[in-house]
């Protein structure tokens, strides 16, 4: 699992008009090729009467799966420019479909490349980009007498409290970056004078909007 990576916030759409042609960007997160293909087919079905539904996607930690489709536009003028924008933004697990309704004015190869690139870029910005960071959930179990102190310390620290369980003892769950778990354990041990029981739980991704 990657320590962090960029992807789109969710699904979104954005329309621009260039020389009377409508270019509608449909953007979505897709973690498998099947999800990407399902999204493309969904847009094609909804916009069956469009002149073109061009698409591209990047899937996998190392971008193992990369596909681009011109859907009838001149070769290399639509799918590849869409894919290049995804790469330039350093996105992963992202699919983009640019639906074009022809407005009667031909754009030429250069014009098409610029148009599909611009539509993709603006569509991504409208959808939102997030950074996903791999976090460990650290569990600290202490006597209730420590709760006030630990809560205050945690809320003024770089760490985020996930949950607090009020049982026989109190258990505090905290999100900690994978490479900071040892430092966190040392800090908690020091704060509780060695009386806290600290263990590492599951690892999961947290998302933060970056643009």
C-alpha atoms as a PDB file:
ATOM      1  CA  UNK A   1       0.000   0.000   0.000  1.00  0.00           C
ATOM      2  CA  UNK A   2       1.333   3.413  -0.949  1.00  0.00           C
ATOM      3  CA  UNK A   3       2.051   5.789   1.970  1.00  0.00           C
ATOM      4  CA  UNK A   4       0.148   8.499   0.075  1.00  0.00           C
ATOM      5  CA  UNK A   5      -1.251   9.271  -3.360  1.00  0.00           C
ATOM      6  CA  UNK A   6      -3.514  11.703  -5.200  1.00  0.00           C
ATOM      7  CA  UNK A   7      -6.896  10.881  -6.665  1.00  0.00           C
ATOM      8  CA  UNK A   8     -10.224  12.587  -7.354  1.00  0.00           C
ATOM      9  CA  UNK A   9     -12.587  13.376  -4.488  1.00  0.00           C
ATOM     10  CA  UNK A  10     -15.462  11.434  -6.029  1.00  0.00           C
ATOM     11  CA  UNK A  11     -17.550  11.942  -9.159  1.00  0.00           C
ATOM     12  CA  UNK A  12     -18.118  15.266 -10.871  1.00  0.00           C
ATOM     13  CA  UNK A  13     -18.864  16.957 -14.173  1.00  0.00           C
ATOM     14  CA  UNK A  14     -18.002  20.230 -15.856  1.00  0.00           C
ATOM     15  CA  UNK A  15     -18.909  21.683 -19.250  1.00  0.00           C
ATOM     16  CA  UNK A  16     -17.025  24.059 -21.529  1.00  0.00           C
ATOM     17  CA  UNK A  17     -17.899  25.344 -25.016  1.00  0.00           C
ATOM     18  CA  UNK A  18     -15.181  25.692 -27.665  1.00  0.00           C
ATOM     19  CA  UNK A  19     -16.083  26.930 -31.158  1.00  0.00           C
ATOM     20  CA  UNK A  20     -19.739  26.025 -30.578  1.00  0.00           C
ATOM     21  CA  UNK A  21     -18.880  22.410 -29.603  1.00  0.00           C
ATOM     22  CA  UNK A  22     -19.906  21.333 -26.112  1.00  0.00           C
ATOM     23  CA  UNK A  23     -17.282  19.375 -24.173  1.00  0.00           C
ATOM     24  CA  UNK A  24     -18.642  17.823 -20.979  1.00  0.00           C
ATOM     25  CA  UNK A  25     -16.126  16.255 -18.603  1.00  0.00           C
ATOM     26  CA  UNK A  26     -17.350  13.378 -16.449  1.00  0.00           C
ATOM     27  CA  UNK A  27     -14.830  12.396 -13.779  1.00  0.00           C
ATOM     28  CA  UNK A  28     -14.886   9.559 -11.264  1.00  0.00           C
ATOM     29  CA  UNK A  29     -12.679   7.533  -8.972  1.00  0.00           C
ATOM     30  CA  UNK A  30     -12.243   3.923 -10.104  1.00  0.00           C
ATOM     31  CA  UNK A  31     -10.129   1.410  -8.206  1.00  0.00           C
ATOM     32  CA  UNK A  32     -10.496  -1.404 -10.759  1.00  0.00           C
ATOM     33  CA  UNK A  33     -10.646  -1.552 -14.542  1.00  0.00           C
ATOM     34  CA  UNK A  34     -14.176  -2.969 -14.244  1.00  0.00           C
ATOM     35  CA  UNK A  35     -15.298   0.138 -12.324  1.00  0.00           C
ATOM     36  CA  UNK A  36     -13.711   2.380 -14.957  1.00  0.00           C
ATOM     37  CA  UNK A  37     -15.399   0.537 -17.814  1.00  0.00           C
ATOM     38  CA  UNK A  38     -18.770   0.587 -16.030  1.00  0.00           C
ATOM     39  CA  UNK A  39     -18.492   4.355 -15.589  1.00  0.00           C
ATOM     40  CA  UNK A  40     -17.588   4.852 -19.274  1.00  0.00           C
ATOM     41  CA  UNK A  41     -20.514   2.687 -20.422  1.00  0.00           C
ATOM     42  CA  UNK A  42     -22.880   4.558 -18.091  1.00  0.00           C
ATOM     43  CA  UNK A  43     -21.910   7.913 -19.628  1.00  0.00           C
ATOM     44  CA  UNK A  44     -22.129   6.483 -23.149  1.00  0.00           C
ATOM     45  CA  UNK A  45     -25.614   5.210 -22.415  1.00  0.00           C
ATOM     46  CA  UNK A  46     -26.734   8.548 -20.959  1.00  0.00           C
ATOM     47  CA  UNK A  47     -25.215  10.486 -23.867  1.00  0.00           C
ATOM     48  CA  UNK A  48     -25.893   8.019 -26.681  1.00  0.00           C
ATOM     49  CA  UNK A  49     -26.682  10.903 -29.041  1.00  0.00           C
ATOM     50  CA  UNK A  50     -23.368  12.721 -28.468  1.00  0.00           C
ATOM     51  CA  UNK A  51     -20.914  12.971 -31.354  1.00  0.00           C
ATOM     52  CA  UNK A  52     -18.129  11.374 -29.278  1.00  0.00           C
ATOM     53  CA  UNK A  53     -17.604   9.954 -25.782  1.00  0.00           C
ATOM     54  CA  UNK A  54     -13.821   9.863 -25.461  1.00  0.00           C
ATOM     55  CA  UNK A  55     -12.189   8.411 -22.376  1.00  0.00           C
ATOM     56  CA  UNK A  56      -9.064   7.493 -20.450  1.00  0.00           C
ATOM     57  CA  UNK A  57      -8.194   5.983 -17.104  1.00  0.00           C
ATOM     58  CA  UNK A  58      -5.265   5.176 -14.822  1.00  0.00           C
ATOM     59  CA  UNK A  59      -5.601   2.281 -12.368  1.00  0.00           C
ATOM     60  CA  UNK A  60      -3.218   0.753  -9.826  1.00  0.00           C
ATOM     61  CA  UNK A  61      -0.485   1.781  -7.401  1.00  0.00           C
ATOM     62  CA  UNK A  62       2.051   1.920 -10.218  1.00  0.00           C
ATOM     63  CA  UNK A  63      -0.422   2.961 -12.929  1.00  0.00           C
ATOM     64  CA  UNK A  64      -0.291  -0.621 -14.227  1.00  0.00           C
ATOM     65  CA  UNK A  65      -3.510  -0.151 -16.212  1.00  0.00           C
ATOM     66  CA  UNK A  66      -3.655   2.777 -18.625  1.00  0.00           C
ATOM     67  CA  UNK A  67      -6.231   3.037 -21.391  1.00  0.00           C
ATOM     68  CA  UNK A  68      -7.228   5.791 -23.792  1.00  0.00           C
ATOM     69  CA  UNK A  69     -10.056   5.791 -26.355  1.00  0.00           C
ATOM     70  CA  UNK A  70     -10.634   8.358 -29.111  1.00  0.00           C
ATOM     71  CA  UNK A  71     -14.190   7.100 -29.856  1.00  0.00           C
ATOM     72  CA  UNK A  72     -14.131   8.214 -33.475  1.00  0.00           C
ATOM     73  CA  UNK A  73     -12.035  11.374 -33.154  1.00  0.00           C
ATOM     74  CA  UNK A  74      -8.796  11.378 -35.222  1.00  0.00           C
ATOM     75  CA  UNK A  75      -6.234   9.018 -33.664  1.00  0.00           C
ATOM     76  CA  UNK A  76      -4.333  10.545 -30.754  1.00  0.00           C
ATOM     77  CA  UNK A  77      -6.420  13.738 -30.523  1.00  0.00           C
ATOM     78  CA  UNK A  78      -8.742  12.827 -27.627  1.00  0.00           C
ATOM     79  CA  UNK A  79      -8.018   9.752 -25.480  1.00  0.00           C
ATOM     80  CA  UNK A  80      -4.274  10.343 -25.172  1.00  0.00           C
ATOM     81  CA  UNK A  81      -4.616  14.066 -24.285  1.00  0.00           C
ATOM     82  CA  UNK A  82      -7.126  13.085 -21.565  1.00  0.00           C
ATOM     83  CA  UNK A  83      -4.715  10.455 -20.224  1.00  0.00           C
ATOM     84  CA  UNK A  84      -1.797  12.891 -20.298  1.00  0.00           C
ATOM     85  CA  UNK A  85      -3.684  15.344 -18.078  1.00  0.00           C
ATOM     86  CA  UNK A  86      -4.358  12.560 -15.550  1.00  0.00           C
ATOM     87  CA  UNK A  87      -0.631  11.750 -15.569  1.00  0.00           C
ATOM     88  CA  UNK A  88       0.423  15.385 -15.319  1.00  0.00           C
ATOM     89  CA  UNK A  89      -1.800  15.813 -12.245  1.00  0.00           C
ATOM     90  CA  UNK A  90      -0.162  12.650 -10.817  1.00  0.00           C
ATOM     91  CA  UNK A  91      -3.542  11.048 -10.206  1.00  0.00           C
ATOM     92  CA  UNK A  92      -4.255   7.402  -9.524  1.00  0.00           C
ATOM     93  CA  UNK A  93      -7.440   5.324  -9.771  1.00  0.00           C
ATOM     94  CA  UNK A  94      -9.159   7.943 -11.918  1.00  0.00           C
ATOM     95  CA  UNK A  95     -11.379   7.715 -15.008  1.00  0.00           C
ATOM     96  CA  UNK A  96     -12.427  10.587 -17.262  1.00  0.00           C
ATOM     97  CA  UNK A  97     -14.991  10.680 -20.057  1.00  0.00           C
ATOM     98  CA  UNK A  98     -15.210  13.764 -22.267  1.00  0.00           C
ATOM     99  CA  UNK A  99     -18.508  13.905 -24.117  1.00  0.00           C
ATOM    100  CA  UNK A 100     -18.530  16.093 -27.230  1.00  0.00           C
ATOM    101  CA  UNK A 101     -21.547  17.510 -28.995  1.00  0.00           C
ATOM    102  CA  UNK A 102     -20.221  18.818 -32.317  1.00  0.00           C
ATOM    103  CA  UNK A 103     -21.064  22.450 -32.964  1.00  0.00           C
ATOM    104  CA  UNK A 104     -20.353  22.569 -36.700  1.00  0.00           C
ATOM    105  CA  UNK A 105     -16.834  24.031 -36.637  1.00  0.00           C
ATOM    106  CA  UNK A 106     -13.886  21.687 -37.131  1.00  0.00           C
ATOM    107  CA  UNK A 107     -11.035  22.283 -34.683  1.00  0.00           C
ATOM    108  CA  UNK A 108      -8.194  20.440 -36.414  1.00  0.00           C
ATOM    109  CA  UNK A 109      -5.837  18.016 -34.665  1.00  0.00           C
ATOM    110  CA  UNK A 110      -4.126  20.662 -32.538  1.00  0.00           C
ATOM    111  CA  UNK A 111      -7.410  22.241 -31.573  1.00  0.00           C
ATOM    112  CA  UNK A 112      -8.888  18.897 -30.547  1.00  0.00           C
ATOM    113  CA  UNK A 113      -5.861  18.024 -28.387  1.00  0.00           C
ATOM    114  CA  UNK A 114      -6.104  21.376 -26.613  1.00  0.00           C
ATOM    115  CA  UNK A 115      -9.886  21.122 -26.221  1.00  0.00           C
ATOM    116  CA  UNK A 116      -9.881  17.621 -24.717  1.00  0.00           C
ATOM    117  CA  UNK A 117      -6.952  18.513 -22.477  1.00  0.00           C
ATOM    118  CA  UNK A 118      -8.646  21.681 -21.233  1.00  0.00           C
ATOM    119  CA  UNK A 119     -11.977  19.939 -20.653  1.00  0.00           C
ATOM    120  CA  UNK A 120     -10.235  17.226 -18.624  1.00  0.00           C
ATOM    121  CA  UNK A 121      -8.186  19.676 -16.569  1.00  0.00           C
ATOM    122  CA  UNK A 122     -11.190  21.874 -15.720  1.00  0.00           C
ATOM    123  CA  UNK A 123     -13.286  18.785 -14.976  1.00  0.00           C
ATOM    124  CA  UNK A 124     -10.699  17.532 -12.477  1.00  0.00           C
ATOM    125  CA  UNK A 125     -10.535  20.910 -10.759  1.00  0.00           C
ATOM    126  CA  UNK A 126     -14.330  21.064 -10.519  1.00  0.00           C
ATOM    127  CA  UNK A 127     -14.477  17.543  -9.062  1.00  0.00           C
ATOM    128  CA  UNK A 128     -11.698  18.153  -6.535  1.00  0.00           C
ATOM    129  CA  UNK A 129      -8.395  16.405  -5.844  1.00  0.00           C
ATOM    130  CA  UNK A 130      -7.636  14.644  -2.573  1.00  0.00           C
ATOM    131  CA  UNK A 131      -4.483  13.235  -1.045  1.00  0.00           C
ATOM    132  CA  UNK A 132      -5.009   9.823   0.532  1.00  0.00           C
ATOM    133  CA  UNK A 133      -2.564   9.124   3.356  1.00  0.00           C
ATOM    134  CA  UNK A 134      -2.086   5.681   4.852  1.00  0.00           C
ATOM    135  CA  UNK A 135      -2.743   5.937   8.575  1.00  0.00           C
ATOM    136  CA  UNK A 136      -2.456   3.456  11.403  1.00  0.00           C
ATOM    137  CA  UNK A 137      -5.125   3.465  14.101  1.00  0.00           C
ATOM    138  CA  UNK A 138      -3.253   3.499  17.412  1.00  0.00           C
ATOM    139  CA  UNK A 139      -5.132   2.335  20.523  1.00  0.00           C
ATOM    140  CA  UNK A 140      -4.157   3.696  23.932  1.00  0.00           C
ATOM    141  CA  UNK A 141      -5.886   2.212  26.973  1.00  0.00           C
ATOM    142  CA  UNK A 142      -5.508   4.070  30.282  1.00  0.00           C
ATOM    143  CA  UNK A 143      -7.172   4.671  33.622  1.00  0.00           C
ATOM    144  CA  UNK A 144      -9.818   7.427  33.544  1.00  0.00           C
ATOM    145  CA  UNK A 145      -7.565   9.714  35.572  1.00  0.00           C
ATOM    146  CA  UNK A 146      -5.414  10.197  32.467  1.00  0.00           C
ATOM    147  CA  UNK A 147      -8.256  11.065  30.067  1.00  0.00           C
ATOM    148  CA  UNK A 148      -8.274  14.864  30.498  1.00  0.00           C
ATOM    149  CA  UNK A 149      -4.528  15.197  30.105  1.00  0.00           C
ATOM    150  CA  UNK A 150      -4.298  12.907  27.061  1.00  0.00           C
ATOM    151  CA  UNK A 151      -7.282  14.485  25.329  1.00  0.00           C
ATOM    152  CA  UNK A 152      -5.825  17.971  25.769  1.00  0.00           C
ATOM    153  CA  UNK A 153      -2.399  16.879  24.548  1.00  0.00           C
ATOM    154  CA  UNK A 154      -3.824  15.087  21.519  1.00  0.00           C
ATOM    155  CA  UNK A 155      -6.118  17.929  20.475  1.00  0.00           C
ATOM    156  CA  UNK A 156      -3.188  20.352  20.441  1.00  0.00           C
ATOM    157  CA  UNK A 157      -0.938  17.893  18.552  1.00  0.00           C
ATOM    158  CA  UNK A 158      -0.586  16.905  14.889  1.00  0.00           C
ATOM    159  CA  UNK A 159      -2.587  13.734  15.531  1.00  0.00           C
ATOM    160  CA  UNK A 160      -6.342  13.271  15.001  1.00  0.00           C
ATOM    161  CA  UNK A 161      -8.566  11.444  17.469  1.00  0.00           C
ATOM    162  CA  UNK A 162     -10.668   8.805  15.716  1.00  0.00           C
ATOM    163  CA  UNK A 163     -12.781   7.691  18.666  1.00  0.00           C
ATOM    164  CA  UNK A 164     -12.888   7.361  22.469  1.00  0.00           C
ATOM    165  CA  UNK A 165     -14.378   4.249  24.078  1.00  0.00           C
ATOM    166  CA  UNK A 166     -15.571   4.559  27.668  1.00  0.00           C
ATOM    167  CA  UNK A 167     -15.254   1.038  29.104  1.00  0.00           C
ATOM    168  CA  UNK A 168     -13.751  -0.258  32.362  1.00  0.00           C
ATOM    169  CA  UNK A 169     -10.787   1.810  31.282  1.00  0.00           C
ATOM    170  CA  UNK A 170     -10.833   4.468  28.590  1.00  0.00           C
ATOM    171  CA  UNK A 171      -9.515   3.587  25.136  1.00  0.00           C
ATOM    172  CA  UNK A 172      -8.477   6.368  22.787  1.00  0.00           C
ATOM    173  CA  UNK A 173      -8.107   5.654  19.059  1.00  0.00           C
ATOM    174  CA  UNK A 174      -5.830   8.007  17.153  1.00  0.00           C
ATOM    175  CA  UNK A 175      -4.902   8.303  13.473  1.00  0.00           C
ATOM    176  CA  UNK A 176      -1.115   8.210  13.074  1.00  0.00           C
ATOM    177  CA  UNK A 177       0.908   8.195   9.865  1.00  0.00           C
ATOM    178  CA  UNK A 178       2.512   4.793   9.331  1.00  0.00           C
ATOM    179  CA  UNK A 179       6.045   6.152   9.633  1.00  0.00           C
ATOM    180  CA  UNK A 180       5.251   7.894  12.933  1.00  0.00           C
ATOM    181  CA  UNK A 181       3.855   4.975  14.940  1.00  0.00           C
ATOM    182  CA  UNK A 182       7.077   4.426  16.938  1.00  0.00           C
ATOM    183  CA  UNK A 183       7.352   8.124  17.797  1.00  0.00           C
ATOM    184  CA  UNK A 184       3.676   8.181  18.822  1.00  0.00           C
ATOM    185  CA  UNK A 185       4.126   5.118  21.045  1.00  0.00           C
ATOM    186  CA  UNK A 186       7.137   6.720  22.764  1.00  0.00           C
ATOM    187  CA  UNK A 187       5.198   9.965  23.282  1.00  0.00           C
ATOM    188  CA  UNK A 188       2.157   8.203  24.760  1.00  0.00           C
ATOM    189  CA  UNK A 189       4.372   6.100  27.023  1.00  0.00           C
ATOM    190  CA  UNK A 190       6.031   9.253  28.305  1.00  0.00           C
ATOM    191  CA  UNK A 191       2.725  11.104  28.807  1.00  0.00           C
ATOM    192  CA  UNK A 192       1.239   8.236  30.829  1.00  0.00           C
ATOM    193  CA  UNK A 193       4.409   7.466  32.787  1.00  0.00           C
ATOM    194  CA  UNK A 194       4.399   4.033  31.212  1.00  0.00           C
ATOM    195  CA  UNK A 195       0.910   3.216  32.492  1.00  0.00           C
ATOM    196  CA  UNK A 196      -0.808   3.305  29.108  1.00  0.00           C
ATOM    197  CA  UNK A 197      -1.300   0.133  27.063  1.00  0.00           C
ATOM    198  CA  UNK A 198      -0.533   1.071  23.470  1.00  0.00           C
ATOM    199  CA  UNK A 199      -1.136  -1.116  20.428  1.00  0.00           C
ATOM    200  CA  UNK A 200      -1.342  -0.677  16.695  1.00  0.00           C
ATOM    201  CA  UNK A 201      -4.651  -1.479  15.020  1.00  0.00           C
ATOM    202  CA  UNK A 202      -5.760  -1.479  11.391  1.00  0.00           C
ATOM    203  CA  UNK A 203      -4.257   0.667   8.652  1.00  0.00           C
ATOM    204  CA  UNK A 204      -6.538   2.742   6.453  1.00  0.00           C
ATOM    205  CA  UNK A 205      -6.489   5.771   4.191  1.00  0.00           C
ATOM    206  CA  UNK A 206      -7.518   9.239   5.299  1.00  0.00           C
ATOM    207  CA  UNK A 207      -8.410  11.850   2.677  1.00  0.00           C
ATOM    208  CA  UNK A 208      -7.568  15.526   2.619  1.00  0.00           C
ATOM    209  CA  UNK A 209      -8.746  17.939  -0.078  1.00  0.00           C
ATOM    210  CA  UNK A 210      -5.718  19.506  -1.754  1.00  0.00           C
ATOM    211  CA  UNK A 211      -7.330  21.426  -4.633  1.00  0.00           C
END
